Protein backbone atom coordinates (compact mmCIF):
# COMPACT_ATOMS: atom_id res chain seq x y z
CA MET A 1 15.52 2.22 -4.07
CA ASN A 2 16.51 -0.25 -6.73
CA PRO A 3 13.67 -2.37 -8.16
CA GLN A 4 14.87 -5.78 -9.32
CA SER A 5 13.20 -8.71 -11.03
CA GLU A 6 13.52 -12.11 -9.39
CA THR A 7 15.26 -13.31 -12.57
CA GLN A 8 18.21 -10.93 -12.18
CA GLU A 9 21.52 -12.11 -10.88
CA PRO A 10 22.30 -11.11 -7.25
CA ARG A 11 24.53 -8.08 -6.79
CA PRO A 12 28.25 -8.75 -6.52
CA GLU A 13 29.41 -9.21 -2.98
CA THR A 14 30.39 -5.89 -1.44
CA ALA A 15 33.83 -5.40 0.00
CA GLY A 16 34.09 -6.57 3.57
CA ALA A 17 30.72 -8.34 3.59
CA ALA A 18 30.40 -11.56 5.54
CA ARG A 19 30.19 -14.73 3.43
CA SER A 20 26.97 -15.73 5.17
CA GLY A 21 24.15 -13.24 5.32
CA HIS A 22 20.84 -13.16 7.12
CA VAL A 23 17.15 -13.65 6.26
CA ALA A 24 14.34 -12.03 8.26
CA LEU A 25 10.80 -13.31 7.78
CA VAL A 26 8.81 -10.19 8.66
CA GLY A 27 5.09 -10.11 9.31
CA ALA A 28 3.82 -6.78 7.97
CA GLY A 29 0.30 -6.85 9.38
CA PRO A 30 -3.06 -7.29 7.66
CA GLY A 31 -3.09 -4.20 5.41
CA ASP A 32 -2.30 -1.04 7.37
CA ALA A 33 1.42 -0.28 7.08
CA GLU A 34 1.27 1.50 10.44
CA LEU A 35 0.72 -1.87 12.13
CA LEU A 36 4.26 -3.01 11.34
CA THR A 37 6.09 -3.87 14.55
CA LEU A 38 9.12 -1.94 15.77
CA ARG A 39 11.20 -5.06 15.28
CA GLY A 40 9.98 -5.33 11.70
CA ALA A 41 10.79 -1.66 11.02
CA ASP A 42 14.30 -2.20 12.38
CA ALA A 43 14.83 -5.20 10.08
CA LEU A 44 13.71 -3.15 7.06
CA ALA A 45 16.08 -0.32 8.03
CA LYS A 46 19.03 -2.76 7.97
CA ALA A 47 17.99 -4.67 4.84
CA ASP A 48 20.06 -4.86 1.68
CA VAL A 49 17.31 -6.74 -0.14
CA VAL A 50 13.53 -6.66 0.40
CA ILE A 51 11.21 -9.22 -1.21
CA LEU A 52 7.76 -7.67 -1.40
CA LEU A 53 4.31 -8.99 -0.66
CA ARG A 54 2.51 -10.72 -3.49
CA GLU A 55 -1.10 -10.16 -2.43
CA PRO A 56 -3.27 -8.21 -4.92
CA GLY A 57 -5.72 -5.46 -4.00
CA PRO A 58 -6.39 -1.73 -4.43
CA GLU A 59 -4.54 -0.87 -1.23
CA LEU A 60 -1.37 -2.81 -2.10
CA ALA A 61 0.59 0.12 -3.55
CA LYS A 62 0.02 2.27 -0.44
CA TYR A 63 0.74 -0.72 1.79
CA ARG A 64 4.09 -1.37 0.10
CA THR A 65 5.05 2.32 0.03
CA GLY A 66 4.32 2.64 3.73
CA LEU A 67 6.51 -0.35 4.52
CA LEU A 68 9.40 0.66 2.25
CA ARG A 69 9.76 4.09 3.84
CA HIS A 70 11.70 2.33 6.61
CA CYS A 71 14.38 1.18 4.14
CA ARG A 72 17.64 2.75 2.99
CA GLU A 73 17.71 4.49 -0.37
CA ASP A 74 20.07 1.88 -1.86
CA VAL A 75 17.99 -1.14 -0.90
CA THR A 76 17.18 -3.62 -3.67
CA VAL A 77 13.42 -4.23 -3.92
CA ILE A 78 12.24 -7.44 -5.56
CA GLU A 79 8.79 -8.21 -6.91
CA PRO A 80 8.16 -11.88 -6.06
CA ALA A 81 7.26 -14.53 -8.60
CA GLU A 82 4.32 -16.86 -8.19
CA SER A 83 6.48 -19.83 -7.17
CA GLY A 84 7.22 -19.97 -3.47
CA ALA A 85 10.23 -22.25 -4.10
CA GLU A 86 11.76 -19.68 -6.46
CA ILE A 87 11.25 -16.87 -3.94
CA ASN A 88 12.85 -18.93 -1.19
CA ALA A 89 15.85 -19.79 -3.40
CA LEU A 90 16.26 -16.12 -4.26
CA ALA A 91 16.26 -15.10 -0.58
CA VAL A 92 18.77 -17.80 0.31
CA GLY A 93 20.96 -16.87 -2.67
CA HIS A 94 21.18 -13.21 -1.63
CA ALA A 95 21.94 -14.21 1.96
CA ARG A 96 24.78 -16.47 0.80
CA GLU A 97 26.23 -13.44 -0.97
CA GLY A 98 26.47 -11.74 2.41
CA ARG A 99 23.33 -9.61 2.30
CA ARG A 100 20.63 -8.98 4.85
CA VAL A 101 17.36 -10.08 3.28
CA VAL A 102 13.83 -9.24 4.42
CA ARG A 103 10.96 -11.33 3.11
CA LEU A 104 7.66 -9.57 3.82
CA TYR A 105 4.46 -11.46 4.60
CA SER A 106 0.96 -10.13 5.12
CA GLY A 107 -0.18 -10.72 8.67
CA ASP A 108 2.17 -13.18 10.38
CA PRO A 109 4.78 -15.32 8.53
CA LEU A 110 3.72 -18.55 10.23
CA LEU A 111 -0.05 -18.00 10.45
CA GLY A 112 -1.77 -18.48 7.12
CA CYS A 113 1.43 -17.74 5.19
CA ARG A 114 4.21 -19.97 3.88
CA GLY A 115 7.00 -18.70 6.06
CA ALA A 116 7.76 -22.18 7.36
CA GLU A 117 8.96 -23.17 3.88
CA LEU A 118 11.50 -20.34 3.74
CA ALA A 119 12.65 -21.13 7.26
CA ALA A 120 13.24 -24.75 6.20
CA ALA A 121 15.16 -23.61 3.10
CA CYS A 122 17.39 -21.42 5.26
CA ARG A 123 18.11 -24.26 7.67
CA ALA A 124 18.94 -26.60 4.78
CA ALA A 125 21.35 -24.02 3.32
CA GLY A 126 22.95 -23.17 6.66
CA VAL A 127 21.77 -19.54 6.40
CA GLU A 128 21.01 -17.61 9.57
CA TYR A 129 17.36 -16.52 9.79
CA GLU A 130 14.80 -15.14 12.21
CA VAL A 131 11.03 -14.90 12.28
CA ILE A 132 9.60 -11.51 13.22
CA PRO A 133 5.91 -12.00 14.03
CA GLY A 134 3.29 -9.62 12.74
CA LEU A 135 -0.30 -8.82 13.61
CA SER A 136 -2.50 -11.47 12.06
CA SER A 137 -5.77 -10.58 10.35
CA ILE A 138 -7.38 -13.15 12.65
CA THR A 139 -7.14 -10.76 15.59
CA ALA A 140 -6.49 -7.38 13.96
CA VAL A 141 -9.43 -7.30 11.54
CA PRO A 142 -12.10 -8.10 14.16
CA ALA A 143 -10.54 -5.41 16.37
CA TYR A 144 -10.80 -2.87 13.53
CA ALA A 145 -14.44 -3.90 13.09
CA GLY A 146 -15.06 -3.48 16.82
CA VAL A 147 -15.93 -7.15 17.32
CA PRO A 148 -14.63 -8.78 20.54
CA LEU A 149 -13.71 -12.40 19.95
CA LEU A 150 -13.58 -13.26 23.64
CA PRO A 151 -16.32 -11.22 25.32
CA GLU A 152 -17.31 -12.13 28.85
CA GLY A 153 -18.47 -15.72 29.00
CA VAL A 154 -16.76 -16.79 25.77
CA GLY A 155 -13.61 -18.82 26.20
CA GLU A 156 -12.90 -20.25 22.74
CA VAL A 157 -12.14 -18.86 19.28
CA ARG A 158 -12.43 -21.23 16.32
CA VAL A 159 -10.51 -20.19 13.20
CA VAL A 160 -11.15 -22.03 9.94
CA SER A 161 -10.16 -21.53 6.31
CA ALA A 162 -13.11 -21.95 3.98
CA LEU A 163 -10.66 -23.04 1.27
CA GLU A 164 -10.40 -26.44 2.94
CA PRO A 165 -12.85 -28.98 1.49
CA ASP A 166 -15.22 -31.21 3.47
CA LEU A 167 -15.38 -29.03 6.58
CA ASP A 168 -17.77 -30.16 9.30
CA TRP A 169 -19.74 -26.92 9.60
CA ALA A 170 -22.18 -28.45 12.10
CA ARG A 171 -19.35 -29.19 14.51
CA LEU A 172 -17.53 -25.91 13.86
CA SER A 173 -20.61 -23.77 14.45
CA GLU A 174 -21.98 -25.72 17.38
CA GLY A 175 -22.51 -23.45 20.35
CA VAL A 176 -21.13 -20.40 18.53
CA PRO A 177 -23.92 -17.81 18.34
CA GLU A 178 -25.36 -18.42 21.81
CA GLY A 179 -22.56 -20.31 23.57
CA ASP A 180 -18.96 -20.04 24.68
CA ALA A 181 -17.16 -19.89 21.29
CA SER A 182 -16.59 -17.41 18.46
CA LEU A 183 -16.10 -18.46 14.82
CA VAL A 184 -13.70 -16.74 12.40
CA VAL A 185 -14.00 -17.89 8.78
CA LEU A 186 -11.15 -16.95 6.44
CA PHE A 187 -11.53 -16.81 2.63
CA PRO A 188 -15.30 -17.37 2.64
CA ASP A 189 -15.99 -15.51 -0.60
CA LEU A 190 -14.12 -17.39 -3.35
CA PRO A 191 -16.47 -19.25 -5.74
CA ASP A 192 -15.49 -22.74 -6.78
CA ASP A 193 -14.51 -21.72 -10.32
CA ASP A 194 -12.12 -18.97 -9.14
CA ALA A 195 -9.58 -21.18 -7.43
CA PRO A 196 -8.58 -24.86 -7.42
CA ARG A 197 -9.79 -25.02 -3.82
CA GLY A 198 -12.33 -22.21 -3.84
CA GLY A 199 -14.34 -21.16 -0.79
CA PRO A 200 -18.09 -21.73 -0.78
CA GLY A 201 -19.15 -18.11 -1.39
CA PHE A 202 -21.35 -16.24 1.07
CA ASP A 203 -24.71 -17.46 -0.13
CA ARG A 204 -23.80 -21.16 0.02
CA LEU A 205 -21.85 -20.71 3.27
CA CYS A 206 -24.84 -19.13 5.01
CA LYS A 207 -27.20 -21.83 3.73
CA THR A 208 -24.72 -24.50 4.88
CA LEU A 209 -24.57 -23.00 8.39
CA ILE A 210 -28.35 -22.79 8.57
CA ALA A 211 -28.60 -26.41 7.39
CA ALA A 212 -26.10 -27.30 10.14
CA GLY A 213 -28.57 -26.03 12.72
CA ARG A 214 -27.78 -22.35 13.12
CA PRO A 215 -30.87 -20.08 13.18
CA GLY A 216 -31.29 -17.73 10.22
CA THR A 217 -31.48 -14.85 12.71
CA THR A 218 -27.92 -15.49 13.92
CA PRO A 219 -25.93 -12.20 13.78
CA VAL A 220 -22.89 -12.28 11.48
CA ALA A 221 -20.42 -9.70 10.24
CA VAL A 222 -18.37 -9.66 7.05
CA VAL A 223 -15.27 -7.46 7.02
CA ARG A 224 -13.51 -6.81 3.71
CA MET A 225 -10.18 -5.04 3.16
CA GLY A 226 -9.76 -5.09 6.94
CA SER A 227 -7.60 -2.42 8.62
CA THR A 228 -7.30 -0.39 5.39
CA THR A 229 -9.11 2.79 4.39
CA GLU A 230 -11.19 0.63 2.03
CA GLN A 231 -12.52 -1.46 4.95
CA THR A 232 -16.22 -2.25 4.76
CA THR A 233 -18.14 -4.08 7.47
CA VAL A 234 -21.58 -5.46 6.71
CA ARG A 235 -23.51 -6.58 9.81
CA SER A 236 -26.43 -8.85 9.10
CA THR A 237 -27.90 -12.27 9.85
CA LEU A 238 -27.31 -15.62 8.21
CA SER A 239 -30.55 -15.45 6.25
CA ARG A 240 -30.01 -11.84 5.08
CA LEU A 241 -26.25 -11.65 4.56
CA ALA A 242 -26.03 -12.38 0.83
CA ALA A 243 -28.74 -9.83 0.04
CA ASP A 244 -27.22 -7.21 2.34
CA LEU A 245 -23.80 -7.62 0.73
CA LYS A 246 -25.31 -7.05 -2.72
CA ALA A 247 -27.21 -4.00 -1.45
CA ALA A 248 -24.08 -2.54 0.12
CA ASP A 249 -22.15 -3.00 -3.10
CA ALA A 250 -24.95 -1.40 -5.13
CA LYS A 251 -24.92 1.65 -2.84
CA GLY A 252 -21.27 2.34 -3.67
CA HIS A 253 -19.61 0.82 -0.62
CA ASN A 254 -16.96 -0.80 -2.82
CA VAL A 255 -17.14 -4.12 -1.03
CA THR A 256 -14.15 -6.15 -2.27
CA SER A 257 -11.91 -9.04 -1.24
CA PRO A 258 -10.19 -10.19 0.89
CA ALA A 259 -12.93 -10.93 3.37
CA MET A 260 -13.54 -12.47 6.77
CA LEU A 261 -16.79 -13.76 8.27
CA LEU A 262 -17.34 -13.44 12.02
CA MET A 263 -19.98 -15.17 14.12
CA GLY A 264 -20.36 -15.28 17.87
CA ARG A 265 -21.66 -13.49 20.93
CA GLY A 266 -19.43 -10.47 20.24
CA VAL A 267 -21.10 -9.82 16.87
CA THR A 268 -24.04 -7.43 16.90
CA THR A 269 -26.04 -5.55 14.30
CA ASP A 270 -25.13 -2.22 15.95
CA LYS A 271 -23.26 -0.16 13.33
CA GLU A 272 -21.81 2.07 16.04
CA GLN A 273 -19.73 -0.91 17.14
CA GLY A 274 -17.44 -0.26 14.16
CA TRP A 275 -15.23 2.53 15.52
CA PHE A 276 -12.75 2.48 12.63
CA GLU A 277 -15.24 3.09 9.83
CA ASN A 278 -17.15 5.64 11.91
CA ARG A 279 -14.31 8.15 11.95
CA PRO A 280 -15.49 11.46 10.43
CA LEU A 281 -13.35 11.38 7.28
CA PHE A 282 -13.02 7.63 6.90
CA GLY A 283 -11.64 6.77 3.48
CA TRP A 284 -11.73 10.36 2.22
CA ARG A 285 -8.98 11.08 -0.28
CA VAL A 286 -7.82 14.57 0.68
CA LEU A 287 -5.50 16.67 -1.47
CA VAL A 288 -3.00 18.72 0.52
CA PRO A 289 -1.30 21.26 -1.79
CA ARG A 290 1.96 21.38 0.14
CA THR A 291 5.31 19.57 0.10
CA LYS A 292 5.69 16.46 2.24
CA GLU A 293 7.93 18.41 4.65
CA GLN A 294 5.38 21.19 5.07
CA ALA A 295 2.40 18.83 5.24
CA ALA A 296 3.77 16.27 7.72
CA SER A 297 1.77 17.34 10.80
CA LEU A 298 -1.33 18.20 8.77
CA SER A 299 -1.33 14.82 7.01
CA GLU A 300 -0.86 13.03 10.32
CA GLN A 301 -3.86 14.88 11.77
CA LEU A 302 -5.97 13.98 8.73
CA ARG A 303 -5.00 10.32 9.05
CA GLY A 304 -6.25 10.46 12.63
CA TYR A 305 -9.67 11.42 11.28
CA GLY A 306 -9.58 8.44 8.91
CA ALA A 307 -8.62 10.34 5.76
CA VAL A 308 -6.05 9.41 3.12
CA PRO A 309 -3.97 12.57 2.58
CA GLU A 310 -2.07 13.07 -0.66
CA GLU A 311 0.54 15.84 -0.81
CA VAL A 312 0.76 17.71 -4.10
CA PRO A 313 3.27 20.61 -4.03
CA THR A 314 1.98 23.73 -5.77
CA ILE A 315 5.03 25.93 -5.20
CA SER A 316 8.75 25.42 -5.38
CA VAL A 317 10.96 27.32 -2.95
CA GLU A 318 14.19 28.69 -4.40
CA PRO A 319 16.97 30.97 -3.09
CA PRO A 320 16.78 34.69 -3.84
CA ARG A 321 18.31 35.75 -7.15
CA THR A 322 20.92 37.87 -5.35
CA PRO A 323 22.23 36.75 -1.95
CA GLN A 324 23.61 40.12 -0.79
CA GLN A 325 20.47 41.13 1.13
CA MET A 326 20.47 37.93 3.17
CA GLU A 327 24.20 38.20 3.84
CA ARG A 328 23.76 41.72 5.21
CA ALA A 329 20.79 40.57 7.29
CA VAL A 330 22.77 37.75 8.92
CA ARG A 331 25.66 40.10 9.66
CA GLY A 332 23.17 42.54 11.16
CA LEU A 333 21.77 39.87 13.46
CA VAL A 334 25.24 39.00 14.72
CA THR A 335 26.35 42.62 15.18
CA GLY A 336 23.23 43.81 17.00
CA ARG A 337 21.58 45.79 14.21
CA TYR A 338 18.08 44.51 15.01
CA GLN A 339 15.76 44.69 18.00
CA TRP A 340 13.26 42.25 16.47
CA VAL A 341 13.08 39.50 13.83
CA ALA A 342 9.62 38.60 12.49
CA PHE A 343 9.11 35.21 10.82
CA THR A 344 5.96 34.73 8.77
CA SER A 345 6.54 31.20 7.44
CA VAL A 346 8.42 27.96 7.96
CA ASN A 347 10.33 28.66 4.76
CA ALA A 348 11.62 31.96 6.21
CA VAL A 349 12.91 30.12 9.28
CA LYS A 350 14.52 27.50 7.06
CA ALA A 351 16.20 30.16 4.89
CA ILE A 352 17.75 31.95 7.89
CA ARG A 353 18.77 28.68 9.53
CA GLU A 354 20.50 27.42 6.37
CA ARG A 355 22.39 30.69 5.99
CA PHE A 356 23.46 30.54 9.65
CA GLU A 357 24.75 27.00 9.21
CA GLU A 358 26.74 28.06 6.15
CA TYR A 359 28.54 30.58 8.36
CA GLY A 360 29.01 28.12 11.24
CA LEU A 361 26.44 29.92 13.42
CA ASP A 362 23.58 28.55 15.50
CA ALA A 363 20.67 29.85 17.57
CA ARG A 364 23.02 31.53 20.03
CA ALA A 365 23.48 34.31 17.46
CA PHE A 366 19.91 35.41 18.31
CA ALA A 367 20.95 36.36 21.86
CA GLY A 368 19.52 39.77 22.69
CA VAL A 369 17.14 39.76 19.71
CA LYS A 370 13.38 39.43 20.19
CA VAL A 371 11.63 36.99 17.86
CA ALA A 372 8.05 37.03 16.58
CA ALA A 373 6.28 34.28 14.63
CA VAL A 374 3.08 34.05 12.61
CA GLY A 375 1.43 30.62 12.77
CA GLU A 376 1.87 27.56 14.93
CA GLN A 377 4.04 25.74 12.39
CA THR A 378 6.40 28.71 12.08
CA ALA A 379 6.70 28.82 15.87
CA ALA A 380 7.38 25.06 15.92
CA ALA A 381 10.13 25.49 13.30
CA LEU A 382 11.77 28.15 15.47
CA ARG A 383 11.64 25.91 18.54
CA ALA A 384 13.24 23.12 16.51
CA PHE A 385 16.06 25.61 15.80
CA GLY A 386 16.38 26.28 19.53
CA ILE A 387 14.52 29.60 19.58
CA GLN A 388 11.44 30.31 21.70
CA PRO A 389 9.26 33.01 20.06
CA ASP A 390 8.67 36.10 22.20
CA LEU A 391 5.53 37.21 20.37
CA THR A 392 2.79 35.43 18.41
CA PRO A 393 -0.65 36.64 17.29
CA PRO A 394 -3.85 35.45 19.01
CA PRO A 395 -5.04 31.93 18.04
CA ASP A 396 -7.94 33.37 16.03
CA ARG A 397 -5.72 35.87 14.17
CA GLN A 398 -2.80 33.83 12.87
CA SER A 399 -1.73 36.32 10.18
CA GLY A 400 0.49 39.32 9.59
CA ALA A 401 -2.40 41.60 10.47
CA GLY A 402 -2.95 39.68 13.70
CA LEU A 403 0.73 40.09 14.62
CA VAL A 404 0.52 43.85 14.04
CA GLU A 405 -2.38 44.01 16.48
CA VAL A 406 -0.21 42.73 19.36
CA TRP A 407 3.10 44.32 18.32
CA PRO A 408 4.25 47.08 20.70
CA PRO A 409 4.80 50.54 19.19
CA TYR A 410 8.35 51.83 19.04
CA ASP A 411 9.36 53.75 22.15
CA ALA A 412 12.66 55.61 21.91
CA GLU A 413 13.14 55.49 25.69
CA LEU A 414 12.42 51.75 26.07
CA ASP A 415 13.75 50.38 22.77
CA PRO A 416 17.50 50.87 22.25
CA ILE A 417 17.23 49.82 18.59
CA GLU A 418 14.35 50.73 16.27
CA ARG A 419 15.04 48.27 13.46
CA VAL A 420 13.09 45.06 12.64
CA LEU A 421 14.28 42.30 10.28
CA LEU A 422 11.51 40.81 8.16
CA PRO A 423 12.79 37.83 6.09
CA ARG A 424 10.03 36.64 3.78
CA ALA A 425 8.99 35.44 0.33
CA ASP A 426 9.29 37.60 -2.74
CA ILE A 427 5.50 37.52 -3.23
CA ALA A 428 4.49 38.19 0.39
CA THR A 429 1.93 40.92 1.08
CA GLU A 430 2.91 44.29 2.56
CA THR A 431 0.50 44.07 5.52
CA LEU A 432 3.07 43.31 8.21
CA ALA A 433 5.79 45.64 6.91
CA LYS A 434 3.34 48.55 6.61
CA GLY A 435 1.82 47.85 10.02
CA LEU A 436 5.23 47.87 11.74
CA THR A 437 6.21 51.05 9.96
CA ASP A 438 2.99 52.71 11.15
CA LEU A 439 3.96 51.69 14.70
CA GLY A 440 7.20 53.64 14.35
CA TRP A 441 9.59 50.80 13.55
CA GLU A 442 12.15 50.81 10.75
CA VAL A 443 11.73 47.61 8.76
CA ASP A 444 14.41 45.81 6.75
CA ASP A 445 12.17 43.90 4.34
CA VAL A 446 14.47 41.15 2.99
CA THR A 447 13.71 38.54 0.34
CA ALA A 448 14.75 35.31 2.05
CA TYR A 449 13.42 32.99 -0.64
CA ARG A 450 11.50 32.99 -3.89
CA THR A 451 8.35 31.02 -4.58
CA VAL A 452 7.74 29.74 -8.08
CA ARG A 453 4.94 27.60 -9.40
CA ALA A 454 5.69 23.89 -9.07
CA ALA A 455 5.67 21.49 -11.99
CA PRO A 456 2.26 19.93 -12.77
CA PRO A 457 1.51 16.72 -10.86
CA PRO A 458 1.35 13.40 -12.75
CA ALA A 459 -1.52 12.93 -15.18
CA PRO A 460 -3.51 10.54 -12.90
CA VAL A 461 -3.50 13.17 -10.14
CA ARG A 462 -4.60 15.92 -12.53
CA GLU A 463 -7.40 13.69 -13.79
CA ALA A 464 -8.47 12.91 -10.22
CA ILE A 465 -8.57 16.61 -9.35
CA LYS A 466 -10.71 17.56 -12.33
CA GLY A 467 -12.75 14.35 -12.41
CA GLY A 468 -13.85 14.15 -8.78
CA GLY A 469 -11.35 11.55 -7.60
CA PHE A 470 -10.56 13.59 -4.50
CA ASP A 471 -13.12 13.99 -1.73
CA ALA A 472 -11.66 17.25 -0.41
CA VAL A 473 -8.95 19.83 -1.09
CA LEU A 474 -7.34 21.88 1.67
CA PHE A 475 -6.16 25.35 0.64
CA THR A 476 -3.71 26.82 3.15
CA SER A 477 -3.13 30.15 1.37
CA SER A 478 -4.29 32.18 -1.61
CA SER A 479 -1.18 31.15 -3.53
CA THR A 480 -2.08 27.46 -3.18
CA VAL A 481 -5.43 28.21 -4.83
CA ARG A 482 -3.86 30.08 -7.73
CA ASN A 483 -1.08 27.60 -8.24
CA LEU A 484 -3.16 24.42 -7.98
CA VAL A 485 -5.66 25.70 -10.53
CA GLY A 486 -2.74 26.80 -12.70
CA ILE A 487 -0.92 23.45 -12.70
CA ALA A 488 -3.82 21.00 -12.46
CA GLY A 489 -7.13 22.75 -13.15
CA LYS A 490 -10.21 23.35 -11.01
CA PRO A 491 -11.39 20.69 -8.57
CA HIS A 492 -14.60 18.91 -9.56
CA ASN A 493 -17.90 20.23 -8.22
CA THR A 494 -18.35 17.22 -5.91
CA THR A 495 -15.03 17.91 -4.16
CA VAL A 496 -15.26 19.64 -0.79
CA ILE A 497 -13.24 22.87 -0.72
CA ALA A 498 -11.78 23.79 2.67
CA VAL A 499 -9.79 27.01 3.18
CA ILE A 500 -7.67 28.39 5.99
CA GLY A 501 -9.28 31.82 6.26
CA PRO A 502 -11.34 34.63 4.69
CA GLU A 503 -8.59 35.84 2.35
CA THR A 504 -8.09 32.35 0.93
CA ALA A 505 -11.88 31.96 0.64
CA LYS A 506 -12.02 35.19 -1.36
CA THR A 507 -9.32 33.95 -3.75
CA ALA A 508 -11.12 30.61 -4.17
CA ALA A 509 -14.33 32.45 -5.04
CA GLU A 510 -12.47 34.53 -7.63
CA PHE A 511 -11.53 31.27 -9.36
CA GLY A 512 -15.14 30.11 -9.38
CA LEU A 513 -14.81 27.63 -6.52
CA ARG A 514 -17.58 27.05 -4.00
CA VAL A 515 -16.09 27.15 -0.50
CA ASP A 516 -17.60 24.54 1.83
CA VAL A 517 -15.38 24.88 4.92
CA VAL A 518 -13.58 27.88 6.43
CA ALA A 519 -11.28 27.29 9.41
CA PRO A 520 -12.43 29.21 12.52
CA THR A 521 -8.83 30.27 13.16
CA THR A 522 -5.99 30.77 10.70
CA SER A 523 -4.05 27.56 11.33
CA VAL A 524 -3.66 24.30 9.46
CA SER A 525 -4.66 22.35 12.56
CA ALA A 526 -7.93 24.27 12.81
CA LEU A 527 -8.47 23.72 9.07
CA ALA A 528 -8.17 19.94 9.39
CA ALA A 529 -10.44 19.95 12.44
CA ALA A 530 -13.05 22.02 10.59
CA LEU A 531 -13.03 19.55 7.67
CA SER A 532 -13.45 16.72 10.17
CA GLU A 533 -16.49 18.44 11.71
CA TYR A 534 -17.93 18.97 8.24
CA GLY A 535 -17.49 15.30 7.39
CA ALA A 536 -19.08 14.21 10.68
CA ALA A 537 -22.08 16.48 10.05
CA GLN A 538 -22.53 15.16 6.51
CA ARG A 539 -22.37 11.60 7.79
CA ALA A 540 -24.89 12.24 10.57
CA GLU A 541 -27.28 13.96 8.14
CA ALA A 542 -27.15 11.04 5.69
CA LEU A 543 -27.72 8.40 8.37
CA ALA A 544 -30.58 10.41 9.91
CA ALA A 545 -32.24 10.43 6.48
CA GLY A 546 -31.76 6.69 6.13
CA LYS A 547 -29.20 7.10 3.35
CA PRO A 548 -25.71 5.58 3.05
CA ALA A 549 -22.89 7.82 4.30
CA LEU A 550 -21.15 8.13 0.95
CA LYS A 551 -17.88 9.97 0.39
CA PRO A 552 -18.10 13.07 -1.83
CA SER A 553 -16.31 11.21 -4.64
CA GLN A 554 -19.02 8.52 -4.55
CA LYS A 555 -21.83 10.99 -5.16
CA ARG A 556 -23.31 11.77 -8.57
CA ARG A 557 -20.93 13.87 -10.58
CA GLY A 558 -22.60 16.97 -11.92
CA ARG A 559 -21.44 20.03 -13.76
CA ARG A 560 -18.32 21.97 -13.01
CA ARG A 561 -18.21 23.66 -9.64
CA LYS A 562 -19.92 27.06 -9.59
CA THR A 563 -19.66 29.83 -7.04
CA VAL A 564 -22.64 29.98 -4.70
């Protein structure tokens, strides 16, 4: 992607481009990039130019990155200036040069944003445009807080911006807490000296509502950073809200802007109402020491538990130093040299598949060959190649040793060929090869790829690892333990260490790491689930003791992690 300042000249018109381009005003949702509509994603995929959101906040970088993943690599990305007129002129200028322009807005372009001004500028310039609605914070944030705006018996929702002066709070709040209306207050937390038209601030707003006739016991909820992994909901009453917000902030809840105040029959003081923040790993920053390709399904599972996964590769996969072994192996597969092929990793599948494609072969070359796979992800990689594994180890024994346990011994009368192909890494253990040999098979142990230690991650990531910035680290093999410590140092003692099995736990202990979670079965899915159960148990224990359910990174940082 090509970052560009709004002061740069537009790119020269590309050959064949139409003289009149197109502007899409795209609502990106309130803060979770996953809430972008399909129509919005399609517009980003076709865009030549994207003008980013301007809103500040700790989640903005992740928000933008999540949105830009829909774009082409050659898209021009522009950081907007403060002036709306300048942004609009820039969008129109690019469109006149024949480009497809996307202007991103938080929430919905025409609801609380200034999309109408860009639409007017496009009409005045004769530029084609469209408005692609987005989820507004007005409905999405209460939903993420578990607050129904129109519960049974309530037929009206009143939405007001606290930035507007001289609001009639008595009229706006009339009949809200006990009647047939709900009240949504936007921007309630900006003191007068922070903006030309600042909001009243929570303390003064609550006192104003009480003075307008609302009882001090009226339930209210304040949601900040709604729909993001920094979301915090404080449920209180009008008379207690200001104090409860200060207490929540003091306990490390990181209560920050933007905020929304909710009042009405759907608001309760029941904390269990907030489904989003009650997920077992909500807001946990989890380090996954794998490449993005390897970690895709694992990261998706972690996000489902509320975590924020961050992939940090610890190994780099490279071709073998000499290709002759692999060439002979592929020829052997085609000519019927092997009875079985055993895959122990996704990388082994990838190495064989790439070599097949170089020779113009596909999965049909495996006809007549039985295929075994260790691990659910390895099996999934084979299926993606068009191959259904014939043999896998039991769910609780996803390892080379587990595969040996179910592998049939060689029988000269039943098996026409006694040879097994085992493509694997140069540093793989001998467990599977030795086990198959003991069963009477002849094993061609072939180096399909080499694993080398990856380059160290950026300095901020290294500092977060050693300083307690991560809440948990998932180790999916002994090599990930060795390599992560080698390139980034030991995780801080507050960081939860989760490992995929006993062998990885043993390696972690050798490096002086305390292991908190061991997956019940040797699979990455079971590892993520085990971490989720650990997080849920820690949360339940804290709440039962009357303490805040803090993330590990929010707890007091002590000495370096010691083995226990």
